[in-house]
N, C-alpha and C. Protein backbone atom coordinates (compact mmCIF):
# COMPACT_ATOMS: atom_id res chain seq x y z
N MET A 1 36.58 5.88 -33.96
CA MET A 1 36.11 4.82 -34.84
C MET A 1 35.62 3.62 -34.03
N LEU A 2 36.37 3.27 -32.97
CA LEU A 2 36.00 2.15 -32.12
C LEU A 2 34.66 2.42 -31.44
N ARG A 3 34.47 3.68 -30.98
CA ARG A 3 33.23 4.02 -30.32
C ARG A 3 32.06 3.90 -31.29
N ILE A 4 32.25 4.35 -32.52
CA ILE A 4 31.19 4.25 -33.52
C ILE A 4 30.81 2.80 -33.77
N CYS A 5 31.82 1.95 -33.87
CA CYS A 5 31.57 0.52 -34.09
C CYS A 5 30.80 -0.07 -32.92
N SER A 6 31.16 0.34 -31.71
CA SER A 6 30.48 -0.17 -30.52
C SER A 6 29.01 0.20 -30.54
N TRP A 7 28.73 1.45 -30.91
CA TRP A 7 27.36 1.88 -30.98
C TRP A 7 26.59 1.12 -32.05
N LEU A 8 27.24 0.83 -33.16
CA LEU A 8 26.58 0.08 -34.23
C LEU A 8 26.23 -1.32 -33.78
N VAL A 9 27.18 -1.95 -33.06
CA VAL A 9 26.93 -3.30 -32.53
C VAL A 9 25.75 -3.27 -31.59
N LEU A 10 25.70 -2.28 -30.69
CA LEU A 10 24.60 -2.18 -29.74
C LEU A 10 23.28 -1.94 -30.46
N ALA A 11 23.31 -1.11 -31.49
CA ALA A 11 22.08 -0.82 -32.23
C ALA A 11 21.56 -2.08 -32.92
N VAL A 12 22.47 -2.84 -33.52
CA VAL A 12 22.06 -4.10 -34.18
C VAL A 12 21.51 -5.06 -33.16
N LEU A 13 22.19 -5.17 -32.01
CA LEU A 13 21.74 -6.06 -30.94
C LEU A 13 20.37 -5.64 -30.42
N ALA A 14 20.19 -4.34 -30.23
CA ALA A 14 18.91 -3.84 -29.74
C ALA A 14 17.80 -4.15 -30.73
N GLY A 15 18.10 -3.96 -32.00
CA GLY A 15 17.10 -4.25 -33.00
C GLY A 15 16.73 -5.71 -33.07
N SER A 16 17.72 -6.59 -32.95
CA SER A 16 17.45 -8.03 -33.03
C SER A 16 16.69 -8.52 -31.82
N VAL A 17 17.01 -7.98 -30.61
CA VAL A 17 16.32 -8.39 -29.41
C VAL A 17 14.89 -7.87 -29.41
N ALA A 18 14.77 -6.55 -29.78
CA ALA A 18 13.44 -5.95 -29.76
C ALA A 18 12.51 -6.56 -30.79
N SER A 19 13.06 -7.22 -31.82
CA SER A 19 12.22 -7.80 -32.86
C SER A 19 11.48 -9.03 -32.35
N ALA A 20 11.93 -9.62 -31.25
CA ALA A 20 11.27 -10.79 -30.69
C ALA A 20 10.60 -10.36 -29.40
N ASP A 21 9.27 -10.27 -29.39
CA ASP A 21 8.52 -9.86 -28.22
C ASP A 21 8.45 -11.01 -27.22
N PRO A 22 8.95 -10.77 -26.00
CA PRO A 22 8.91 -11.84 -24.98
C PRO A 22 7.48 -12.22 -24.60
N ALA A 23 7.28 -13.48 -24.35
CA ALA A 23 5.97 -13.98 -23.89
C ALA A 23 6.19 -15.27 -23.12
N GLY A 24 5.36 -15.49 -22.14
CA GLY A 24 5.46 -16.74 -21.38
C GLY A 24 5.27 -16.51 -19.89
N ARG A 25 5.66 -17.52 -19.11
CA ARG A 25 5.48 -17.47 -17.66
C ARG A 25 6.40 -16.43 -17.04
N ILE A 26 5.92 -15.81 -16.00
CA ILE A 26 6.66 -14.73 -15.33
C ILE A 26 7.42 -15.28 -14.12
N ARG A 27 8.70 -14.91 -14.03
CA ARG A 27 9.47 -15.14 -12.82
C ARG A 27 9.94 -13.77 -12.35
N VAL A 28 9.43 -13.32 -11.19
CA VAL A 28 9.74 -11.99 -10.70
C VAL A 28 11.14 -11.97 -10.11
N ILE A 29 12.02 -11.13 -10.64
CA ILE A 29 13.36 -10.93 -10.10
C ILE A 29 13.30 -9.83 -9.04
N ASP A 30 12.77 -8.69 -9.42
CA ASP A 30 12.36 -7.67 -8.47
C ASP A 30 11.16 -6.97 -9.10
N ALA A 31 10.66 -5.92 -8.46
CA ALA A 31 9.39 -5.38 -8.89
C ALA A 31 9.33 -4.97 -10.35
N ASP A 32 10.41 -4.38 -10.88
CA ASP A 32 10.35 -3.93 -12.28
C ASP A 32 11.24 -4.74 -13.22
N THR A 33 11.78 -5.84 -12.74
CA THR A 33 12.58 -6.72 -13.59
C THR A 33 12.07 -8.15 -13.49
N TRP A 34 11.65 -8.71 -14.60
CA TRP A 34 11.08 -10.05 -14.64
C TRP A 34 11.81 -10.91 -15.68
N ASP A 35 11.71 -12.22 -15.51
CA ASP A 35 12.02 -13.13 -16.59
C ASP A 35 10.68 -13.54 -17.19
N VAL A 36 10.51 -13.30 -18.48
CA VAL A 36 9.28 -13.65 -19.17
C VAL A 36 9.59 -14.68 -20.24
N GLY A 37 9.15 -15.90 -20.02
CA GLY A 37 9.46 -16.96 -20.96
C GLY A 37 10.95 -17.16 -21.13
N GLY A 38 11.71 -16.93 -20.04
CA GLY A 38 13.15 -17.11 -20.07
C GLY A 38 13.94 -15.90 -20.55
N VAL A 39 13.26 -14.81 -20.90
CA VAL A 39 13.92 -13.59 -21.35
C VAL A 39 13.88 -12.55 -20.22
N ARG A 40 15.04 -11.95 -19.93
CA ARG A 40 15.11 -10.92 -18.88
C ARG A 40 14.49 -9.63 -19.40
N VAL A 41 13.46 -9.16 -18.70
CA VAL A 41 12.69 -7.99 -19.14
C VAL A 41 12.71 -6.91 -18.07
N ARG A 42 12.96 -5.69 -18.50
CA ARG A 42 12.82 -4.50 -17.64
C ARG A 42 11.56 -3.79 -18.07
N LEU A 43 10.57 -3.68 -17.17
CA LEU A 43 9.28 -3.10 -17.52
C LEU A 43 9.45 -1.63 -17.91
N PHE A 44 8.90 -1.27 -19.03
CA PHE A 44 9.04 0.07 -19.59
C PHE A 44 8.17 1.07 -18.83
N GLY A 45 8.74 2.27 -18.60
CA GLY A 45 7.95 3.38 -18.07
C GLY A 45 7.72 3.41 -16.58
N ILE A 46 8.29 2.46 -15.84
CA ILE A 46 8.14 2.45 -14.40
C ILE A 46 9.50 2.27 -13.72
N ASP A 47 9.56 2.66 -12.46
CA ASP A 47 10.80 2.49 -11.68
C ASP A 47 10.39 2.16 -10.26
N ALA A 48 10.73 0.97 -9.79
CA ALA A 48 10.32 0.52 -8.47
C ALA A 48 11.49 0.61 -7.49
N PRO A 49 11.21 0.76 -6.19
CA PRO A 49 12.28 0.80 -5.19
C PRO A 49 13.20 -0.41 -5.30
N GLU A 50 14.49 -0.18 -5.06
CA GLU A 50 15.45 -1.26 -5.08
C GLU A 50 15.21 -2.21 -3.89
N ARG A 51 15.63 -3.47 -4.03
CA ARG A 51 15.38 -4.47 -2.99
C ARG A 51 15.85 -4.03 -1.61
N ASP A 52 17.03 -3.36 -1.56
CA ASP A 52 17.59 -2.99 -0.27
C ASP A 52 17.21 -1.58 0.15
N GLN A 53 16.24 -0.99 -0.56
CA GLN A 53 15.84 0.38 -0.24
C GLN A 53 14.84 0.40 0.91
N THR A 54 14.99 1.36 1.79
CA THR A 54 14.05 1.53 2.90
C THR A 54 13.32 2.85 2.76
N CYS A 55 12.11 2.91 3.33
CA CYS A 55 11.32 4.13 3.35
C CYS A 55 11.03 4.47 4.81
N ARG A 56 10.57 5.68 5.04
CA ARG A 56 10.31 6.09 6.42
C ARG A 56 8.83 6.41 6.61
N ARG A 57 8.23 5.73 7.59
CA ARG A 57 6.82 5.94 7.89
C ARG A 57 6.61 7.24 8.64
N ALA A 58 5.34 7.61 8.84
CA ALA A 58 5.01 8.86 9.52
C ALA A 58 5.51 8.86 10.96
N ASP A 59 5.61 7.65 11.58
CA ASP A 59 6.09 7.58 12.96
C ASP A 59 7.61 7.51 13.04
N SER A 60 8.29 7.78 11.92
CA SER A 60 9.76 7.79 11.79
C SER A 60 10.39 6.40 11.81
N SER A 61 9.58 5.36 11.78
CA SER A 61 10.14 4.01 11.73
C SER A 61 10.53 3.66 10.31
N ASP A 62 11.55 2.81 10.17
CA ASP A 62 11.99 2.38 8.84
C ASP A 62 11.12 1.24 8.35
N TRP A 63 10.89 1.23 7.05
CA TRP A 63 10.08 0.21 6.40
C TRP A 63 10.85 -0.31 5.20
N PRO A 64 11.09 -1.64 5.11
CA PRO A 64 11.81 -2.20 3.96
C PRO A 64 10.95 -2.21 2.71
N CYS A 65 10.68 -1.02 2.17
CA CYS A 65 9.72 -0.88 1.08
C CYS A 65 10.19 -1.57 -0.20
N GLY A 66 11.50 -1.63 -0.39
CA GLY A 66 12.01 -2.30 -1.59
C GLY A 66 11.69 -3.77 -1.61
N GLN A 67 11.88 -4.43 -0.48
CA GLN A 67 11.55 -5.84 -0.41
C GLN A 67 10.03 -6.04 -0.48
N TRP A 68 9.29 -5.10 0.10
CA TRP A 68 7.83 -5.20 0.07
C TRP A 68 7.31 -5.12 -1.36
N THR A 69 7.82 -4.20 -2.15
CA THR A 69 7.34 -4.08 -3.53
C THR A 69 7.67 -5.35 -4.33
N THR A 70 8.85 -5.93 -4.07
CA THR A 70 9.21 -7.18 -4.74
C THR A 70 8.26 -8.29 -4.35
N ASP A 71 8.00 -8.41 -3.04
CA ASP A 71 7.12 -9.47 -2.55
C ASP A 71 5.70 -9.32 -3.09
N GLU A 72 5.20 -8.08 -3.09
CA GLU A 72 3.85 -7.84 -3.59
C GLU A 72 3.74 -8.10 -5.07
N THR A 73 4.78 -7.72 -5.82
CA THR A 73 4.79 -7.98 -7.25
C THR A 73 4.78 -9.48 -7.52
N ALA A 74 5.59 -10.21 -6.76
CA ALA A 74 5.62 -11.67 -6.92
C ALA A 74 4.27 -12.29 -6.59
N ARG A 75 3.63 -11.78 -5.55
CA ARG A 75 2.30 -12.30 -5.17
C ARG A 75 1.28 -12.08 -6.29
N LEU A 76 1.39 -10.96 -6.96
CA LEU A 76 0.42 -10.63 -8.01
C LEU A 76 0.71 -11.27 -9.34
N TYR A 77 2.02 -11.43 -9.68
CA TYR A 77 2.35 -11.82 -11.06
C TYR A 77 3.18 -13.09 -11.22
N HIS A 78 3.90 -13.50 -10.19
CA HIS A 78 4.80 -14.65 -10.35
C HIS A 78 4.01 -15.90 -10.78
N GLY A 79 4.49 -16.53 -11.84
CA GLY A 79 3.85 -17.76 -12.32
C GLY A 79 2.74 -17.53 -13.34
N ARG A 80 2.33 -16.28 -13.49
CA ARG A 80 1.30 -15.99 -14.50
C ARG A 80 1.95 -15.82 -15.87
N THR A 81 1.14 -15.59 -16.87
CA THR A 81 1.64 -15.46 -18.25
C THR A 81 1.57 -14.02 -18.70
N ALA A 82 2.65 -13.55 -19.31
CA ALA A 82 2.71 -12.19 -19.82
C ALA A 82 2.95 -12.19 -21.33
N ASP A 83 2.36 -11.21 -21.98
CA ASP A 83 2.63 -10.93 -23.39
C ASP A 83 3.26 -9.53 -23.45
N CYS A 84 4.49 -9.46 -23.92
CA CYS A 84 5.23 -8.20 -23.87
C CYS A 84 5.54 -7.67 -25.27
N HIS A 85 5.59 -6.36 -25.35
CA HIS A 85 6.00 -5.70 -26.61
C HIS A 85 7.31 -4.99 -26.35
N ALA A 86 8.37 -5.43 -26.98
CA ALA A 86 9.71 -4.89 -26.75
C ALA A 86 9.80 -3.47 -27.30
N VAL A 87 10.44 -2.59 -26.50
CA VAL A 87 10.66 -1.21 -26.91
C VAL A 87 12.12 -1.00 -27.31
N THR A 88 13.04 -1.50 -26.49
CA THR A 88 14.47 -1.38 -26.75
C THR A 88 15.20 -2.39 -25.88
N VAL A 89 16.51 -2.25 -25.81
CA VAL A 89 17.32 -3.07 -24.91
C VAL A 89 18.19 -2.11 -24.12
N ASP A 90 18.35 -2.34 -22.81
CA ASP A 90 19.13 -1.41 -22.01
C ASP A 90 20.59 -1.83 -21.92
N ARG A 91 21.38 -1.06 -21.18
CA ARG A 91 22.83 -1.31 -21.12
C ARG A 91 23.17 -2.61 -20.41
N TYR A 92 22.20 -3.20 -19.69
CA TYR A 92 22.43 -4.48 -19.04
C TYR A 92 21.93 -5.63 -19.91
N GLN A 93 21.60 -5.31 -21.15
CA GLN A 93 21.11 -6.27 -22.12
C GLN A 93 19.77 -6.87 -21.73
N ARG A 94 18.98 -6.14 -20.95
CA ARG A 94 17.60 -6.54 -20.68
C ARG A 94 16.69 -5.95 -21.74
N VAL A 95 15.68 -6.71 -22.13
CA VAL A 95 14.69 -6.20 -23.05
C VAL A 95 13.76 -5.27 -22.27
N VAL A 96 13.68 -4.02 -22.70
CA VAL A 96 12.77 -3.07 -22.07
C VAL A 96 11.45 -3.18 -22.80
N ALA A 97 10.38 -3.52 -22.08
CA ALA A 97 9.14 -3.85 -22.76
C ALA A 97 7.90 -3.47 -21.95
N ARG A 98 6.82 -3.21 -22.68
CA ARG A 98 5.49 -3.08 -22.07
C ARG A 98 4.91 -4.49 -21.99
N CYS A 99 4.38 -4.85 -20.84
CA CYS A 99 3.87 -6.22 -20.69
C CYS A 99 2.41 -6.20 -20.25
N GLN A 100 1.65 -7.09 -20.84
CA GLN A 100 0.26 -7.27 -20.45
C GLN A 100 0.08 -8.62 -19.79
N VAL A 101 -0.71 -8.62 -18.73
CA VAL A 101 -1.06 -9.86 -18.02
C VAL A 101 -2.57 -9.94 -17.98
N ASN A 102 -3.10 -10.96 -18.59
CA ASN A 102 -4.56 -11.12 -18.70
C ASN A 102 -5.20 -9.89 -19.33
N GLY A 103 -4.50 -9.33 -20.32
CA GLY A 103 -5.03 -8.20 -21.06
C GLY A 103 -4.85 -6.84 -20.43
N ALA A 104 -4.27 -6.78 -19.23
CA ALA A 104 -4.09 -5.50 -18.54
C ALA A 104 -2.61 -5.10 -18.54
N ASP A 105 -2.36 -3.81 -18.65
CA ASP A 105 -1.01 -3.27 -18.65
C ASP A 105 -0.42 -3.42 -17.25
N ALA A 106 0.56 -4.31 -17.08
CA ALA A 106 1.13 -4.58 -15.76
C ALA A 106 1.81 -3.35 -15.17
N GLY A 107 2.51 -2.59 -16.00
CA GLY A 107 3.17 -1.38 -15.52
C GLY A 107 2.17 -0.38 -14.94
N ARG A 108 1.08 -0.20 -15.64
CA ARG A 108 0.05 0.74 -15.17
C ARG A 108 -0.55 0.24 -13.85
N GLU A 109 -0.82 -1.04 -13.76
CA GLU A 109 -1.39 -1.60 -12.53
C GLU A 109 -0.44 -1.40 -11.35
N MET A 110 0.83 -1.60 -11.59
CA MET A 110 1.81 -1.45 -10.50
C MET A 110 1.91 -0.02 -10.00
N VAL A 111 1.88 0.93 -10.93
CA VAL A 111 1.92 2.34 -10.53
C VAL A 111 0.65 2.71 -9.79
N GLN A 112 -0.50 2.22 -10.25
CA GLN A 112 -1.77 2.52 -9.59
C GLN A 112 -1.82 1.97 -8.17
N GLN A 113 -1.16 0.85 -7.93
CA GLN A 113 -1.19 0.22 -6.61
C GLN A 113 -0.04 0.67 -5.71
N GLY A 114 0.76 1.63 -6.18
CA GLY A 114 1.85 2.12 -5.36
C GLY A 114 3.00 1.16 -5.22
N LEU A 115 3.22 0.34 -6.23
CA LEU A 115 4.35 -0.59 -6.24
C LEU A 115 5.53 -0.04 -7.01
N ALA A 116 5.29 1.03 -7.77
CA ALA A 116 6.35 1.63 -8.58
C ALA A 116 5.99 3.07 -8.90
N PHE A 117 7.02 3.84 -9.28
CA PHE A 117 6.82 5.20 -9.73
C PHE A 117 6.70 5.22 -11.25
N ALA A 118 6.08 6.26 -11.77
CA ALA A 118 6.14 6.51 -13.21
C ALA A 118 7.57 6.99 -13.51
N TYR A 119 8.22 6.38 -14.49
CA TYR A 119 9.60 6.73 -14.81
C TYR A 119 9.57 7.79 -15.91
N ARG A 120 9.32 9.04 -15.48
CA ARG A 120 9.05 10.12 -16.44
C ARG A 120 10.26 10.46 -17.32
N LYS A 121 11.43 10.03 -16.91
CA LYS A 121 12.62 10.26 -17.73
C LYS A 121 12.48 9.58 -19.08
N TYR A 122 11.73 8.48 -19.11
CA TYR A 122 11.60 7.71 -20.35
C TYR A 122 10.19 7.70 -20.93
N SER A 123 9.19 7.98 -20.08
CA SER A 123 7.82 7.92 -20.57
C SER A 123 6.89 8.68 -19.63
N MET A 124 5.85 9.30 -20.20
CA MET A 124 4.82 9.95 -19.42
C MET A 124 3.55 9.12 -19.39
N ASP A 125 3.64 7.88 -19.82
CA ASP A 125 2.46 7.03 -19.93
C ASP A 125 1.70 6.90 -18.60
N TYR A 126 2.43 6.84 -17.50
CA TYR A 126 1.79 6.55 -16.22
C TYR A 126 1.81 7.75 -15.27
N ASP A 127 1.97 8.93 -15.83
CA ASP A 127 2.06 10.16 -15.02
C ASP A 127 0.80 10.35 -14.17
N LEU A 128 -0.36 10.30 -14.78
CA LEU A 128 -1.61 10.53 -14.05
C LEU A 128 -1.89 9.40 -13.08
N ASP A 129 -1.50 8.19 -13.44
CA ASP A 129 -1.70 7.04 -12.54
C ASP A 129 -0.93 7.25 -11.24
N GLU A 130 0.31 7.74 -11.37
CA GLU A 130 1.10 7.99 -10.16
C GLU A 130 0.48 9.11 -9.32
N LYS A 131 0.04 10.15 -9.98
CA LYS A 131 -0.53 11.29 -9.24
C LYS A 131 -1.77 10.84 -8.46
N ARG A 132 -2.58 9.99 -9.02
CA ARG A 132 -3.74 9.47 -8.29
C ARG A 132 -3.31 8.61 -7.12
N ALA A 133 -2.27 7.81 -7.33
CA ALA A 133 -1.77 6.96 -6.25
C ALA A 133 -1.21 7.78 -5.10
N VAL A 134 -0.55 8.89 -5.43
CA VAL A 134 0.00 9.78 -4.42
C VAL A 134 -1.12 10.39 -3.58
N VAL A 135 -2.18 10.85 -4.25
CA VAL A 135 -3.33 11.43 -3.55
C VAL A 135 -3.98 10.41 -2.62
N SER A 136 -4.05 9.16 -3.10
CA SER A 136 -4.67 8.10 -2.28
C SER A 136 -3.74 7.58 -1.19
N GLY A 137 -2.44 7.84 -1.32
CA GLY A 137 -1.48 7.38 -0.32
C GLY A 137 -1.31 5.88 -0.29
N VAL A 138 -1.44 5.24 -1.46
CA VAL A 138 -1.34 3.77 -1.50
C VAL A 138 0.11 3.33 -1.63
N GLY A 139 0.42 2.15 -1.10
CA GLY A 139 1.73 1.55 -1.25
C GLY A 139 2.86 2.45 -0.78
N ILE A 140 3.86 2.64 -1.64
CA ILE A 140 5.03 3.42 -1.28
C ILE A 140 4.70 4.90 -1.03
N HIS A 141 3.52 5.34 -1.45
CA HIS A 141 3.14 6.74 -1.25
C HIS A 141 2.57 6.99 0.13
N GLY A 142 2.49 5.93 0.92
CA GLY A 142 2.05 6.08 2.30
C GLY A 142 3.22 6.31 3.24
N ALA A 143 4.42 6.49 2.69
CA ALA A 143 5.62 6.71 3.49
C ALA A 143 6.52 7.69 2.73
N GLU A 144 7.56 8.15 3.44
CA GLU A 144 8.55 9.02 2.78
C GLU A 144 9.48 8.13 1.98
N THR A 145 9.39 8.23 0.68
CA THR A 145 10.09 7.31 -0.22
C THR A 145 10.99 8.08 -1.19
N MET A 146 12.26 7.73 -1.20
CA MET A 146 13.17 8.32 -2.18
C MET A 146 12.94 7.67 -3.54
N ARG A 147 12.93 8.46 -4.56
CA ARG A 147 12.79 7.88 -5.90
C ARG A 147 13.96 6.94 -6.18
N PRO A 148 13.69 5.79 -6.77
CA PRO A 148 14.74 4.80 -6.98
C PRO A 148 15.98 5.33 -7.69
N ALA A 149 15.78 6.17 -8.70
CA ALA A 149 16.94 6.72 -9.43
C ALA A 149 17.82 7.54 -8.48
N GLU A 150 17.21 8.30 -7.58
CA GLU A 150 17.97 9.08 -6.61
C GLU A 150 18.69 8.17 -5.63
N PHE A 151 18.02 7.08 -5.24
CA PHE A 151 18.62 6.11 -4.32
C PHE A 151 19.85 5.48 -4.96
N ARG A 152 19.75 5.10 -6.23
CA ARG A 152 20.88 4.47 -6.92
C ARG A 152 22.05 5.46 -7.02
N THR A 153 21.74 6.73 -7.29
CA THR A 153 22.78 7.74 -7.37
C THR A 153 23.46 7.89 -6.01
N ALA A 154 22.67 7.90 -4.93
CA ALA A 154 23.24 8.02 -3.58
C ALA A 154 24.13 6.83 -3.25
N GLN A 155 23.71 5.64 -3.68
CA GLN A 155 24.53 4.44 -3.43
C GLN A 155 25.88 4.54 -4.13
N ARG A 156 25.86 5.04 -5.36
CA ARG A 156 27.14 5.19 -6.09
C ARG A 156 28.04 6.17 -5.38
N LYS A 157 27.47 7.23 -4.79
CA LYS A 157 28.27 8.19 -4.06
C LYS A 157 28.84 7.60 -2.79
N VAL A 158 28.09 6.68 -2.17
CA VAL A 158 28.60 6.01 -0.97
C VAL A 158 29.86 5.25 -1.27
N VAL A 159 29.90 4.62 -2.43
CA VAL A 159 31.08 3.84 -2.82
C VAL A 159 32.27 4.78 -3.00
N LYS A 160 32.01 5.97 -3.53
CA LYS A 160 33.10 6.91 -3.82
C LYS A 160 33.61 7.63 -2.58
N VAL A 161 32.72 7.84 -1.58
CA VAL A 161 33.11 8.58 -0.39
C VAL A 161 33.78 7.64 0.59
N PRO A 162 34.95 7.95 1.13
CA PRO A 162 35.61 7.07 2.08
C PRO A 162 34.73 6.77 3.27
N ALA A 163 34.83 5.54 3.80
CA ALA A 163 33.97 5.12 4.89
C ALA A 163 34.20 5.94 6.14
N GLN A 164 35.38 6.54 6.28
CA GLN A 164 35.69 7.32 7.46
C GLN A 164 35.89 8.79 7.06
N SER A 165 34.83 9.37 6.51
CA SER A 165 34.90 10.76 6.09
C SER A 165 35.21 11.64 7.27
N SER A 166 35.96 12.67 7.05
CA SER A 166 36.36 13.53 8.16
C SER A 166 35.25 14.48 8.55
N GLN A 167 35.27 14.94 9.81
CA GLN A 167 34.26 15.87 10.29
C GLN A 167 34.28 17.14 9.48
N HIS A 168 35.44 17.53 8.99
CA HIS A 168 35.57 18.78 8.27
C HIS A 168 34.87 18.74 6.91
N SER A 169 34.76 17.55 6.30
CA SER A 169 34.17 17.47 4.98
C SER A 169 32.70 17.09 5.00
N CYS A 170 32.23 16.41 6.07
CA CYS A 170 30.84 15.97 6.16
C CYS A 170 30.30 16.26 7.55
N SER A 171 29.02 16.64 7.65
CA SER A 171 28.49 17.10 8.93
C SER A 171 27.46 16.17 9.56
N ILE A 172 27.02 15.13 8.87
CA ILE A 172 26.01 14.22 9.41
C ILE A 172 26.70 13.05 10.12
N LYS A 173 26.30 12.82 11.36
CA LYS A 173 26.94 11.79 12.19
C LYS A 173 26.18 10.46 12.12
N GLY A 174 26.88 9.43 11.66
CA GLY A 174 26.29 8.09 11.61
C GLY A 174 26.71 7.31 12.83
N ASN A 175 25.79 7.16 13.77
CA ASN A 175 26.08 6.52 15.05
C ASN A 175 25.44 5.13 15.11
N ILE A 176 26.07 4.20 15.84
CA ILE A 176 25.49 2.88 16.07
C ILE A 176 25.13 2.76 17.54
N SER A 177 23.85 2.52 17.83
CA SER A 177 23.39 2.48 19.22
C SER A 177 23.86 1.21 19.92
N SER A 178 23.62 1.15 21.23
CA SER A 178 24.02 -0.03 22.02
C SER A 178 23.26 -1.27 21.57
N LYS A 179 22.12 -1.07 20.89
CA LYS A 179 21.33 -2.20 20.38
C LYS A 179 21.71 -2.56 18.96
N GLY A 180 22.71 -1.85 18.41
CA GLY A 180 23.17 -2.13 17.06
C GLY A 180 22.38 -1.41 15.98
N GLU A 181 21.52 -0.46 16.39
CA GLU A 181 20.71 0.28 15.42
C GLU A 181 21.52 1.42 14.82
N ARG A 182 21.48 1.56 13.52
CA ARG A 182 22.24 2.60 12.82
C ARG A 182 21.38 3.85 12.69
N ILE A 183 21.82 4.91 13.36
CA ILE A 183 21.04 6.15 13.42
C ILE A 183 21.94 7.32 13.04
N TYR A 184 21.43 8.22 12.21
CA TYR A 184 22.23 9.39 11.88
C TYR A 184 21.61 10.65 12.49
N HIS A 185 22.47 11.60 12.81
CA HIS A 185 22.07 12.86 13.44
C HIS A 185 22.52 14.02 12.57
N VAL A 186 21.63 14.95 12.34
CA VAL A 186 21.97 16.13 11.56
C VAL A 186 22.14 17.32 12.48
N PRO A 187 22.91 18.33 12.07
CA PRO A 187 23.11 19.52 12.91
C PRO A 187 21.79 20.11 13.41
N ARG A 188 21.79 20.55 14.64
CA ARG A 188 20.65 21.18 15.32
C ARG A 188 19.67 20.18 15.89
N GLN A 189 19.88 18.87 15.71
CA GLN A 189 19.05 17.91 16.40
C GLN A 189 19.49 17.84 17.86
N ASP A 190 18.60 17.32 18.74
CA ASP A 190 18.82 17.35 20.19
C ASP A 190 20.14 16.74 20.62
N HIS A 191 20.47 15.58 20.05
CA HIS A 191 21.64 14.84 20.53
C HIS A 191 22.86 14.98 19.61
N TYR A 192 22.79 15.89 18.68
CA TYR A 192 23.87 16.01 17.71
C TYR A 192 25.21 16.32 18.38
N SER A 193 25.22 17.34 19.23
CA SER A 193 26.49 17.77 19.82
C SER A 193 27.09 16.73 20.77
N LYS A 194 26.23 15.89 21.35
CA LYS A 194 26.70 14.88 22.29
C LYS A 194 27.17 13.59 21.60
N THR A 195 26.79 13.46 20.34
CA THR A 195 27.11 12.22 19.62
C THR A 195 28.57 12.21 19.19
N ARG A 196 29.26 11.12 19.52
CA ARG A 196 30.66 10.93 19.14
C ARG A 196 30.77 9.80 18.11
N ILE A 197 31.63 10.00 17.14
CA ILE A 197 31.81 9.00 16.09
C ILE A 197 33.07 8.19 16.32
N SER A 198 32.91 6.87 16.37
CA SER A 198 34.05 5.96 16.58
C SER A 198 34.19 5.09 15.34
N PRO A 199 35.05 5.46 14.41
CA PRO A 199 35.19 4.71 13.15
C PRO A 199 35.50 3.23 13.36
N HIS A 200 36.25 2.88 14.44
CA HIS A 200 36.60 1.49 14.65
C HIS A 200 35.39 0.63 15.01
N LYS A 201 34.28 1.28 15.40
CA LYS A 201 33.03 0.57 15.70
C LYS A 201 32.12 0.49 14.46
N GLY A 202 32.59 1.05 13.38
CA GLY A 202 31.77 1.07 12.16
C GLY A 202 30.97 2.35 12.00
N GLU A 203 31.14 3.29 12.93
CA GLU A 203 30.44 4.56 12.82
C GLU A 203 31.15 5.45 11.81
N ARG A 204 30.41 6.44 11.28
CA ARG A 204 31.00 7.24 10.22
C ARG A 204 30.26 8.56 10.02
N TRP A 205 30.87 9.41 9.21
CA TRP A 205 30.27 10.68 8.81
C TRP A 205 29.63 10.54 7.44
N PHE A 206 28.55 11.30 7.22
CA PHE A 206 27.89 11.34 5.91
C PHE A 206 27.82 12.77 5.42
N CYS A 207 27.82 12.91 4.10
CA CYS A 207 27.74 14.25 3.52
C CYS A 207 26.31 14.66 3.15
N SER A 208 25.39 13.71 3.17
CA SER A 208 23.98 14.03 2.88
C SER A 208 23.09 12.98 3.54
N GLU A 209 21.83 13.33 3.77
CA GLU A 209 20.88 12.38 4.33
C GLU A 209 20.62 11.25 3.34
N ALA A 210 20.60 11.57 2.05
CA ALA A 210 20.38 10.54 1.04
C ALA A 210 21.49 9.49 1.11
N GLU A 211 22.71 9.95 1.31
CA GLU A 211 23.84 9.03 1.43
C GLU A 211 23.69 8.14 2.65
N ALA A 212 23.26 8.74 3.77
CA ALA A 212 23.09 7.98 5.00
C ALA A 212 22.01 6.93 4.87
N ARG A 213 20.85 7.31 4.29
CA ARG A 213 19.76 6.36 4.11
C ARG A 213 20.15 5.23 3.16
N ALA A 214 20.87 5.58 2.10
CA ALA A 214 21.30 4.57 1.14
C ALA A 214 22.25 3.56 1.77
N ALA A 215 23.01 4.00 2.80
CA ALA A 215 23.95 3.10 3.47
C ALA A 215 23.29 2.30 4.57
N GLY A 216 21.99 2.55 4.84
CA GLY A 216 21.28 1.75 5.82
C GLY A 216 21.02 2.42 7.16
N TRP A 217 21.36 3.68 7.27
CA TRP A 217 21.11 4.42 8.50
C TRP A 217 19.72 5.09 8.44
N ARG A 218 19.08 5.29 9.60
CA ARG A 218 17.86 6.05 9.68
C ARG A 218 18.06 7.35 10.45
N ARG A 219 17.22 8.33 10.21
CA ARG A 219 17.34 9.62 10.89
C ARG A 219 16.90 9.51 12.34
N ALA A 220 17.63 10.17 13.23
CA ALA A 220 17.26 10.21 14.65
C ALA A 220 15.89 10.90 14.78
N LYS A 221 15.09 10.45 15.73
CA LYS A 221 13.74 11.01 15.89
C LYS A 221 13.76 12.43 16.44
N ARG A 222 14.84 12.77 17.19
CA ARG A 222 14.91 14.14 17.76
C ARG A 222 16.28 14.74 17.48
């Protein structure tokens, strides 16, 4: 009964919030989350890299793509005026909405420019836009980029896995170099067998590469 009541409250809240379409000046929180006229809005149909997410370039160097997408989005939209159409409200009480800036669909523009992925779990509106961006290699598609939803899942797993996972349960070695660089080694890489893990130095084992990248480590080049 309590669960039913909770869902009813959320439904009423969603309906009341969605009935008022946000409009006004944009303050970029991150690439897919804005304040529009003082209302917190999650852009519908897109998913952008998290602020602390990194991507890997072709030369194996790390690129702070999450911060880049936020900065580029702010450069393009911060301070401008948006007219949004509310779709629903999410579990964080953000209004999920389609937003237009100067008559153009902001979500579509961001996907076309490689600032965000099409969030196909909720909408296929920008499917073709993403495919064209991938072919062109623009923005985040010019690097090896984990989808944000996968990154968030990996981060949650990092919290659940003990920081000092045992060698028997996890096989990826998270090493910290003499320069303080966090590098992980997978089995069969050149230096894997020689790499020793010292937990007291902050080094650790990982159970997957996604987990290692989410924690801030990069893959060893060899």
